Amino acid sequence: MNSLKIRLLLSTLVMTVVMLPIIGLTLSNAFERQLNVAMKNELKAYSYSIFTVAEVENNQLLMPDLLLENQFNINRSGLYALITKRSKETQISAVKSKVLWQSQSLLTLSLPAVLPSPDVGQTLISKISLADSRHLLYSFSASFSDNGQDFAITLHLIKDQRALLNALNDFEKTLWAWLLALMVVFVFVQIVWLLWTLKPLTVLSQELEHIEKGQKKALDANYPLELQPVTQQLNALLALEENQRKRYRNALSDLAHSLKNPLAVIQSQQDISASASEQLTLINNIIEHQLKRAQSAGQSSWHLGVQIKPVVDKLIATLAKIYHDKNLAFAVTVDTSALFKGDEADLMEILGNILDNACKAAKHKIAISVISSAKTLTIEIADDGAGIAASQREIILSRGGRADTYQAGHGIGLAIVNDLVSSYQGQLTISYSTVLTGAAFTLTF
């Protein structure tokens, strides 16, 4: 959920899944209401046509044998009519309705014993079951005058709802099919639109990755106006950091030369004592150590990407010549895509010191393994020498440890290596190799 793309896609899907069904239900309900209104208007028109042919004489209802609407004349046509004597008690009388007349379409059908009886001039619409089918019942009460006396009747029109339900089902099937297709199209369009909208962020991420791997030095893609201030500030920051690092290293290099020359002059004096010469040598080593540590790019070089395999191959070729008399065998397992996110000189310093110590301590074999994952880089260098005792491991990595106090064949430059690794927020551990039985140096970044 930390991804903007996933959040936008989820919000789009939720809106689509929620809104389109709501729209479908709304349209379906509106269509059903319109069908019901149309059917009620149709029954109302039928009621007017029946009342126009109805007559009352001597307190008797007179109706023609056939009605103008032919459906009333056909048995079980789906459209039925009957007239009952209106009950004066309630809208729905508790007594059996007295049928005064019924259409020929009702000849073979059984009607409910009790039918609604609304007030005169009022309409009542309900639903009944007739012949195991749902029907709409339209009841309208009217009063005729016969010799000054009121003759109240209720006209009942019954309409089979199967046609309405079939039309409603067909509409709903078509509606939901189109809504489903619209949902798929809408989701597809939204995904394409979101990918196109977020493409500049993807390009920015790719360019930052290229800068991190050392393949580019600045952001040069064409970004939208909203991202241009960010990319310009990043480019300015990258350029400033690189210039500052160059100036810093140049200044430190000048300082190193300015200090080395006076020390060399003093050390060349013939009358200098042995203890003074030893202290001068110690000062010179300390200067070398601190200058190399200060010149490390460290975490400021996050945008410097160095491929490890060429560096390892170069170091092995050099060390094989230096220690050719030992006839060492190097077993190299390096992930070709492995990158050291730092300065190449720092990587050479780190691996060079460890490999040099391994060559001095090894009898015949040295193993180098480099494993790279999405978030971790692991480098292991092992030899088949005598190994390093646990009590000596912290000493040779400590800042104050001296090379001449290390176990034979190990420790030269390890204090510098430890400081360089720490500057990259990495970790250096020393253990016994399970394969070569000698010392194993493991670097984790």
Protein backbone atom coordinates (compact mmCIF):
# COMPACT_ATOMS: atom_id res chain seq x y z
CA MET A 1 0.00 0.00 0.00
CA ASN A 2 3.02 2.30 -0.01
CA SER A 3 2.84 2.39 -3.82
CA LEU A 4 0.94 5.30 -5.37
CA LYS A 5 0.20 3.15 -8.41
CA ILE A 6 -1.41 0.42 -6.30
CA ARG A 7 -3.39 2.96 -4.29
CA LEU A 8 -4.76 4.62 -7.42
CA LEU A 9 -5.56 1.30 -9.06
CA LEU A 10 -7.35 0.06 -5.93
CA SER A 11 -9.34 3.28 -5.61
CA THR A 12 -10.32 3.02 -9.29
CA LEU A 13 -11.39 -0.61 -8.89
CA VAL A 14 -13.37 0.18 -5.73
CA MET A 15 -15.12 3.10 -7.40
CA THR A 16 -15.89 0.97 -10.44
CA VAL A 17 -17.15 -2.02 -8.45
CA VAL A 18 -19.27 0.20 -6.19
CA MET A 19 -20.58 2.87 -8.56
CA LEU A 20 -21.51 0.79 -11.61
CA PRO A 21 -23.72 -1.66 -9.65
CA ILE A 22 -25.40 1.32 -7.97
CA ILE A 23 -26.05 2.82 -11.41
CA GLY A 24 -27.37 -0.55 -12.61
CA LEU A 25 -29.75 -0.90 -9.65
CA THR A 26 -30.93 2.67 -10.12
CA LEU A 27 -31.65 2.15 -13.83
CA SER A 28 -33.35 -1.18 -13.15
CA ASN A 29 -35.61 0.33 -10.49
CA ALA A 30 -36.42 3.29 -12.72
CA PHE A 31 -37.30 0.98 -15.63
CA GLU A 32 -39.52 -1.16 -13.35
CA ARG A 33 -41.32 1.94 -12.09
CA GLN A 34 -41.90 3.12 -15.64
CA LEU A 35 -43.32 -0.28 -16.61
CA ASN A 36 -45.66 -0.22 -13.62
CA VAL A 37 -46.78 3.32 -14.42
CA ALA A 38 -47.38 2.34 -18.04
CA MET A 39 -49.41 -0.68 -16.97
CA LYS A 40 -51.46 1.40 -14.52
CA ASN A 41 -52.18 3.97 -17.22
CA GLU A 42 -53.20 1.16 -19.53
CA LEU A 43 -55.61 -0.30 -16.96
CA LYS A 44 -56.96 3.15 -16.23
CA ALA A 45 -57.76 3.62 -19.91
CA TYR A 46 -59.48 0.22 -19.94
CA SER A 47 -61.57 1.25 -16.93
CA TYR A 48 -62.81 4.34 -18.75
CA SER A 49 -63.77 2.26 -21.77
CA ILE A 50 -65.77 -0.17 -19.58
CA PHE A 51 -67.54 2.57 -17.63
CA THR A 52 -68.66 4.17 -20.86
CA VAL A 53 -70.66 1.04 -21.82
CA ALA A 54 -71.98 0.29 -18.31
CA GLU A 55 -75.60 1.19 -17.46
CA VAL A 56 -77.80 0.87 -14.39
CA GLU A 57 -81.56 0.39 -14.66
CA ASN A 58 -83.96 -0.59 -11.87
CA ASN A 59 -81.07 -1.17 -9.56
CA GLN A 60 -79.55 -3.61 -12.05
CA LEU A 61 -76.16 -3.39 -13.85
CA LEU A 62 -76.42 -3.79 -17.60
CA MET A 63 -73.30 -4.69 -19.64
CA PRO A 64 -72.87 -5.66 -23.30
CA ASP A 65 -72.02 -9.23 -24.19
CA LEU A 66 -68.75 -8.23 -25.88
CA LEU A 67 -66.31 -5.41 -25.09
CA LEU A 68 -64.40 -3.31 -27.54
CA GLU A 69 -61.06 -4.62 -26.24
CA ASN A 70 -60.95 -8.16 -27.62
CA GLN A 71 -58.72 -9.49 -24.79
CA PHE A 72 -61.73 -9.28 -22.45
CA ASN A 73 -63.63 -11.60 -24.78
CA ILE A 74 -61.00 -14.39 -25.00
CA ASN A 75 -60.72 -16.97 -22.23
CA ARG A 76 -57.49 -16.74 -20.19
CA SER A 77 -56.17 -13.92 -22.36
CA GLY A 78 -54.27 -12.34 -19.46
CA LEU A 79 -56.56 -9.32 -19.23
CA TYR A 80 -59.65 -9.66 -17.10
CA ALA A 81 -62.45 -7.46 -15.79
CA LEU A 82 -65.25 -7.84 -13.25
CA ILE A 83 -67.62 -5.56 -11.40
CA THR A 84 -68.65 -6.14 -7.79
CA LYS A 85 -71.13 -4.45 -5.53
CA ARG A 86 -69.14 -1.97 -3.47
CA SER A 87 -68.90 -2.74 0.25
CA LYS A 88 -69.65 0.19 2.53
CA GLU A 89 -67.68 -1.18 5.47
CA THR A 90 -64.00 -1.05 4.63
CA GLN A 91 -61.77 -0.95 1.62
CA ILE A 92 -61.30 -4.69 1.92
CA SER A 93 -64.60 -6.21 2.95
CA ALA A 94 -64.66 -9.16 5.33
CA VAL A 95 -67.61 -10.61 3.44
CA LYS A 96 -67.57 -12.28 0.07
CA SER A 97 -67.60 -9.86 -2.82
CA LYS A 98 -70.86 -9.88 -4.78
CA VAL A 99 -70.00 -10.18 -8.45
CA LEU A 100 -72.35 -8.24 -10.70
CA TRP A 101 -70.50 -8.88 -13.96
CA GLN A 102 -67.33 -10.44 -15.27
CA SER A 103 -65.67 -10.59 -18.66
CA GLN A 104 -65.66 -13.74 -20.75
CA SER A 105 -61.88 -14.04 -20.25
CA LEU A 106 -62.64 -15.04 -16.62
CA LEU A 107 -65.07 -17.87 -17.38
CA THR A 108 -62.72 -20.71 -16.37
CA LEU A 109 -60.74 -18.94 -13.64
CA SER A 110 -61.40 -18.80 -9.91
CA LEU A 111 -61.23 -15.42 -8.24
CA PRO A 112 -60.41 -14.58 -4.63
CA ALA A 113 -63.54 -14.47 -2.47
CA VAL A 114 -62.62 -11.07 -1.03
CA LEU A 115 -61.62 -8.19 -3.29
CA PRO A 116 -60.64 -4.60 -2.45
CA SER A 117 -63.40 -1.97 -2.30
CA PRO A 118 -61.93 1.55 -2.31
CA ASP A 119 -63.95 4.70 -1.70
CA VAL A 120 -65.98 6.11 -4.55
CA GLY A 121 -63.73 7.94 -6.95
CA GLN A 122 -60.60 6.31 -5.48
CA THR A 123 -58.23 3.79 -6.97
CA LEU A 124 -56.53 0.91 -5.22
CA ILE A 125 -53.73 -1.14 -6.81
CA SER A 126 -52.64 -4.49 -5.39
CA LYS A 127 -51.22 -7.82 -6.48
CA ILE A 128 -52.97 -11.19 -6.50
CA SER A 129 -52.17 -14.71 -7.62
CA LEU A 130 -54.39 -16.06 -10.35
CA ALA A 131 -53.85 -19.47 -11.98
CA ASP A 132 -50.49 -19.72 -10.18
CA SER A 133 -49.31 -16.56 -11.83
CA ARG A 134 -48.72 -13.07 -10.51
CA HIS A 135 -51.28 -10.49 -11.59
CA LEU A 136 -51.78 -6.78 -11.01
CA LEU A 137 -55.22 -5.86 -9.60
CA TYR A 138 -56.59 -2.41 -10.41
CA SER A 139 -59.72 -1.52 -8.39
CA PHE A 140 -61.77 1.64 -8.98
CA SER A 141 -65.06 2.52 -7.29
CA ALA A 142 -67.79 4.59 -8.92
CA SER A 143 -71.40 5.44 -8.16
CA PHE A 144 -74.30 5.48 -10.62
CA SER A 145 -77.57 7.31 -10.01
CA ASP A 146 -80.79 5.31 -10.62
CA ASN A 147 -84.07 7.12 -9.97
CA GLY A 148 -82.40 9.33 -7.41
CA GLN A 149 -80.71 6.44 -5.66
CA ASP A 150 -76.94 5.79 -5.62
CA PHE A 151 -75.70 2.52 -7.06
CA ALA A 152 -72.03 2.06 -5.99
CA ILE A 153 -69.89 -0.48 -7.77
CA THR A 154 -66.21 -1.40 -7.93
CA LEU A 155 -64.53 -2.21 -11.21
CA HIS A 156 -61.67 -4.69 -10.98
CA LEU A 157 -59.17 -4.97 -13.81
CA ILE A 158 -56.68 -7.81 -13.63
CA LYS A 159 -53.54 -7.85 -15.75
CA ASP A 160 -51.10 -10.74 -16.06
CA GLN A 161 -47.59 -9.55 -15.06
CA ARG A 162 -45.66 -12.16 -17.00
CA ALA A 163 -45.13 -9.82 -19.92
CA LEU A 164 -43.96 -7.10 -17.54
CA LEU A 165 -41.63 -9.49 -15.68
CA ASN A 166 -40.24 -10.85 -18.95
CA ALA A 167 -39.57 -7.33 -20.20
CA LEU A 168 -37.97 -6.44 -16.88
CA ASN A 169 -35.78 -9.58 -16.92
CA ASP A 170 -34.69 -8.92 -20.51
CA PHE A 171 -33.85 -5.35 -19.62
CA GLU A 172 -31.87 -6.39 -16.54
CA LYS A 173 -29.91 -9.03 -18.46
CA THR A 174 -29.04 -6.54 -21.17
CA LEU A 175 -28.28 -3.83 -18.63
CA TRP A 176 -25.94 -5.97 -16.51
CA ALA A 177 -24.21 -7.39 -19.57
CA TRP A 178 -23.49 -3.88 -20.84
CA LEU A 179 -22.48 -2.71 -17.36
CA LEU A 180 -20.08 -5.63 -17.03
CA ALA A 181 -18.58 -4.85 -20.42
CA LEU A 182 -18.43 -1.18 -19.45
CA MET A 183 -16.73 -2.12 -16.18
CA VAL A 184 -14.04 -4.11 -18.01
CA VAL A 185 -13.49 -1.30 -20.52
CA PHE A 186 -13.48 1.31 -17.78
CA VAL A 187 -10.95 -0.60 -15.67
CA PHE A 188 -8.73 -1.13 -18.73
CA VAL A 189 -8.92 2.54 -19.67
CA GLN A 190 -8.20 3.55 -16.08
CA ILE A 191 -5.16 1.26 -15.89
CA VAL A 192 -3.80 2.62 -19.17
CA TRP A 193 -4.53 6.17 -18.04
CA LEU A 194 -2.85 5.64 -14.65
CA LEU A 195 0.20 4.03 -16.23
CA TRP A 196 0.48 6.94 -18.65
CA THR A 197 -0.04 9.47 -15.84
CA LEU A 198 2.52 7.81 -13.55
CA LYS A 199 5.03 7.14 -16.33
CA PRO A 200 7.19 10.16 -15.36
CA LEU A 201 7.57 8.71 -11.86
CA THR A 202 8.62 5.38 -13.37
CA VAL A 203 11.15 7.16 -15.58
CA LEU A 204 12.42 9.09 -12.56
CA SER A 205 12.85 5.85 -10.61
CA GLN A 206 14.73 4.25 -13.52
CA GLU A 207 17.02 7.25 -13.90
CA LEU A 208 17.77 7.28 -10.18
CA GLU A 209 18.60 3.58 -10.40
CA HIS A 210 20.96 4.27 -13.32
CA ILE A 211 22.61 7.06 -11.33
CA GLU A 212 22.92 4.75 -8.35
CA LYS A 213 24.65 2.17 -10.56
CA GLY A 214 26.98 4.80 -11.96
CA GLN A 215 25.52 4.58 -15.47
CA LYS A 216 24.40 8.23 -15.46
CA LYS A 217 25.46 11.37 -13.67
CA ALA A 218 22.29 13.45 -13.91
CA LEU A 219 18.56 13.32 -14.61
CA ASP A 220 18.05 14.25 -18.25
CA ALA A 221 14.56 12.95 -19.16
CA ASN A 222 11.72 15.28 -20.15
CA TYR A 223 9.58 15.57 -17.01
CA PRO A 224 6.21 17.31 -16.45
CA LEU A 225 6.16 20.80 -14.99
CA GLU A 226 5.21 19.47 -11.55
CA LEU A 227 8.35 17.29 -11.35
CA GLN A 228 10.83 19.67 -12.97
CA PRO A 229 11.65 21.56 -9.73
CA VAL A 230 12.42 18.23 -8.02
CA THR A 231 14.63 16.93 -10.82
CA GLN A 232 16.45 20.26 -11.12
CA GLN A 233 17.17 20.27 -7.38
CA LEU A 234 18.41 16.68 -7.53
CA ASN A 235 20.72 17.48 -10.42
CA ALA A 236 22.04 20.52 -8.57
CA LEU A 237 22.59 18.40 -5.45
CA LEU A 238 24.42 15.70 -7.41
CA ALA A 239 26.68 18.25 -9.11
CA LEU A 240 27.38 20.03 -5.82
CA GLU A 241 28.21 16.80 -4.03
CA GLU A 242 30.57 15.67 -6.78
CA ASN A 243 32.35 19.03 -6.92
CA GLN A 244 32.71 19.15 -3.13
CA ARG A 245 34.08 15.62 -3.06
CA LYS A 246 36.64 16.47 -5.75
CA ARG A 247 37.73 19.64 -3.96
CA TYR A 248 37.92 17.76 -0.66
CA ARG A 249 40.09 15.02 -2.13
CA ASN A 250 42.34 17.48 -3.92
CA ALA A 251 42.83 19.39 -0.70
CA LEU A 252 43.62 16.19 1.20
CA SER A 253 46.04 15.10 -1.50
CA ASP A 254 47.85 18.44 -1.26
CA LEU A 255 47.94 18.06 2.53
CA ALA A 256 49.42 14.57 2.20
CA HIS A 257 52.21 15.80 -0.05
CA SER A 258 52.91 18.81 2.14
CA LEU A 259 53.26 16.56 5.20
CA LYS A 260 55.23 13.79 3.53
CA ASN A 261 57.97 16.04 2.22
CA PRO A 262 59.00 17.46 5.66
CA LEU A 263 58.79 13.96 7.18
CA ALA A 264 61.00 12.58 4.41
CA VAL A 265 63.52 15.35 5.02
CA ILE A 266 63.59 14.68 8.76
CA GLN A 267 63.89 10.92 8.27
CA SER A 268 66.84 11.45 5.92
CA GLN A 269 68.88 13.13 8.65
CA GLN A 270 71.83 11.00 9.71
CA ASP A 271 71.91 12.06 13.36
CA ILE A 272 68.28 11.13 14.09
CA SER A 273 67.86 8.56 16.84
CA ALA A 274 66.26 5.16 16.36
CA SER A 275 63.34 6.01 18.65
CA ALA A 276 62.72 9.28 16.79
CA SER A 277 62.85 7.43 13.46
CA GLU A 278 60.33 4.92 14.77
CA GLN A 279 57.99 7.72 15.87
CA LEU A 280 58.33 9.44 12.50
CA THR A 281 57.44 6.17 10.78
CA LEU A 282 54.43 5.86 13.06
CA ILE A 283 53.38 9.44 12.25
CA ASN A 284 53.71 8.70 8.54
CA ASN A 285 51.53 5.56 8.88
CA ILE A 286 48.92 7.47 10.87
CA ILE A 287 48.81 10.18 8.20
CA GLU A 288 48.37 7.53 5.49
CA HIS A 289 45.65 5.82 7.50
CA GLN A 290 43.66 8.96 8.29
CA LEU A 291 44.02 10.40 4.80
CA LYS A 292 42.74 7.21 3.20
CA ARG A 293 39.88 7.13 5.66
CA ALA A 294 39.01 10.78 5.05
CA GLN A 295 39.28 10.39 1.27
CA SER A 296 36.76 7.55 1.29
CA ALA A 297 33.61 8.43 -0.60
CA GLY A 298 31.53 6.60 1.99
CA GLN A 299 27.79 7.16 1.96
CA SER A 300 28.18 10.33 -0.11
CA SER A 301 28.87 8.09 -3.11
CA TRP A 302 25.46 6.42 -3.23
CA HIS A 303 25.22 7.36 -6.90
CA LEU A 304 28.53 5.71 -7.77
CA GLY A 305 28.07 2.17 -9.02
CA VAL A 306 31.12 -0.05 -9.49
CA GLN A 307 30.97 -3.52 -11.00
CA ILE A 308 32.80 -5.86 -8.63
CA LYS A 309 33.95 -8.59 -11.02
CA PRO A 310 36.39 -6.44 -13.05
CA VAL A 311 37.95 -5.14 -9.82
CA VAL A 312 38.31 -8.68 -8.44
CA ASP A 313 39.84 -9.92 -11.71
CA LYS A 314 42.32 -7.04 -11.75
CA LEU A 315 43.38 -7.65 -8.15
CA ILE A 316 43.78 -11.40 -8.69
CA ALA A 317 45.91 -10.83 -11.77
CA THR A 318 48.18 -8.48 -9.83
CA LEU A 319 48.45 -10.65 -6.70
CA ALA A 320 49.08 -13.80 -8.75
CA LYS A 321 52.19 -12.11 -10.14
CA ILE A 322 53.34 -10.86 -6.74
CA TYR A 323 52.91 -14.26 -5.07
CA HIS A 324 53.77 -16.40 -8.09
CA ASP A 325 56.18 -18.48 -5.99
CA LYS A 326 53.28 -19.79 -3.86
CA ASN A 327 51.37 -21.00 -6.93
CA LEU A 328 48.03 -19.99 -5.44
CA ALA A 329 44.70 -21.20 -6.84
CA PHE A 330 41.86 -18.68 -6.83
CA ALA A 331 38.27 -19.95 -6.80
CA VAL A 332 36.10 -17.02 -7.86
CA THR A 333 32.29 -17.00 -7.65
CA VAL A 334 31.05 -13.53 -8.46
CA ASP A 335 27.57 -12.46 -9.46
CA THR A 336 28.13 -10.61 -12.74
CA SER A 337 25.37 -8.12 -11.87
CA ALA A 338 26.82 -7.35 -8.44
CA LEU A 339 27.52 -3.64 -7.90
CA PHE A 340 29.38 -1.89 -5.12
CA LYS A 341 27.52 1.35 -4.44
CA GLY A 342 30.58 3.40 -3.75
CA ASP A 343 33.89 4.62 -5.06
CA GLU A 344 36.11 2.28 -7.09
CA ALA A 345 39.23 3.38 -5.21
CA ASP A 346 37.59 2.47 -1.90
CA LEU A 347 36.60 -0.95 -3.25
CA MET A 348 40.17 -1.53 -4.48
CA GLU A 349 41.51 -0.52 -1.06
CA ILE A 350 39.12 -2.85 0.79
CA LEU A 351 39.50 -5.93 -1.40
CA GLY A 352 43.19 -5.31 -2.04
CA ASN A 353 44.11 -5.34 1.65
CA ILE A 354 42.03 -8.42 2.46
CA LEU A 355 43.24 -10.36 -0.60
CA ASP A 356 46.85 -9.40 0.09
CA ASN A 357 46.53 -10.76 3.63
CA ALA A 358 44.84 -13.89 2.30
CA CYS A 359 47.67 -14.47 -0.17
CA LYS A 360 50.24 -14.15 2.61
CA ALA A 361 48.38 -16.54 4.91
CA ALA A 362 47.16 -19.08 2.31
CA LYS A 363 48.91 -22.34 1.62
CA HIS A 364 47.42 -23.16 -1.74
CA LYS A 365 43.85 -21.93 -2.13
CA ILE A 366 41.85 -18.71 -1.88
CA ALA A 367 38.08 -18.54 -2.39
CA ILE A 368 36.21 -15.35 -3.33
CA SER A 369 32.43 -15.25 -3.29
CA VAL A 370 30.22 -12.26 -4.14
CA ILE A 371 26.43 -12.55 -3.72
CA SER A 372 24.11 -9.69 -4.58
CA SER A 373 20.42 -9.34 -3.73
CA ALA A 374 17.90 -6.52 -3.90
CA LYS A 375 19.03 -4.97 -0.61
CA THR A 376 22.24 -6.73 0.40
CA LEU A 377 25.73 -7.24 -1.00
CA THR A 378 27.86 -9.97 0.58
CA ILE A 379 31.56 -10.48 -0.19
CA GLU A 380 33.47 -13.38 1.39
CA ILE A 381 37.21 -14.02 1.04
CA ALA A 382 38.59 -17.23 2.56
CA ASP A 383 41.97 -18.97 2.57
CA ASP A 384 43.35 -22.35 3.63
CA GLY A 385 45.87 -20.88 6.07
CA ALA A 386 46.08 -21.25 9.80
CA GLY A 387 43.15 -18.92 10.47
CA ILE A 388 42.85 -16.18 13.05
CA ALA A 389 42.16 -16.88 16.69
CA ALA A 390 39.02 -15.36 18.14
CA SER A 391 41.05 -13.38 20.65
CA GLN A 392 43.00 -11.69 17.82
CA ARG A 393 40.04 -10.73 15.61
CA GLU A 394 39.02 -7.58 17.47
CA ILE A 395 42.63 -6.51 17.88
CA ILE A 396 43.50 -6.53 14.19
CA LEU A 397 40.29 -4.62 13.38
CA SER A 398 40.69 -2.01 16.12
CA ARG A 399 41.77 1.50 15.26
CA GLY A 400 44.78 1.35 17.52
CA GLY A 401 46.01 -2.07 16.42
CA ARG A 402 49.47 -2.14 14.93
CA ALA A 403 50.50 -4.24 11.97
CA ASP A 404 53.50 -5.73 13.72
CA THR A 405 51.31 -7.15 16.50
CA TYR A 406 49.05 -9.09 14.15
CA GLN A 407 49.24 -12.80 13.61
CA ALA A 408 51.58 -13.73 10.80
CA GLY A 409 50.17 -13.10 7.39
CA HIS A 410 47.14 -11.07 8.53
CA GLY A 411 46.30 -7.62 9.77
CA ILE A 412 48.09 -5.31 7.37
CA GLY A 413 45.77 -2.51 6.48
CA LEU A 414 42.75 -4.11 8.19
CA ALA A 415 42.21 -1.08 10.39
CA ILE A 416 41.88 1.00 7.21
CA VAL A 417 39.56 -1.62 5.72
CA ASN A 418 37.38 -1.62 8.83
CA ASP A 419 37.08 2.15 8.76
CA LEU A 420 36.22 2.16 5.05
CA VAL A 421 33.55 -0.50 5.53
CA SER A 422 32.09 1.44 8.47
CA SER A 423 31.96 4.62 6.37
CA TYR A 424 29.64 2.74 3.99
CA GLN A 425 27.57 1.53 6.93
CA GLY A 426 28.72 -2.00 6.22
CA GLN A 427 30.01 -4.75 8.48
CA LEU A 428 33.26 -6.72 8.47
CA THR A 429 33.38 -10.04 10.33
CA ILE A 430 36.18 -12.58 10.68
CA SER A 431 35.53 -16.28 11.16
CA TYR A 432 36.82 -19.73 10.21
CA SER A 433 36.10 -20.97 6.71
CA THR A 434 34.06 -24.17 6.71
CA VAL A 435 35.38 -25.10 3.25
CA LEU A 436 39.05 -24.09 3.30
CA THR A 437 39.48 -24.31 7.12
CA GLY A 438 41.39 -21.02 7.19
CA ALA A 439 40.31 -17.45 7.87
CA ALA A 440 37.15 -16.09 6.29
CA PHE A 441 36.53 -12.34 5.91
CA THR A 442 32.89 -11.46 5.27
CA LEU A 443 31.82 -8.00 4.10
CA THR A 444 28.13 -7.13 4.27
CA PHE A 445 26.68 -3.95 2.76
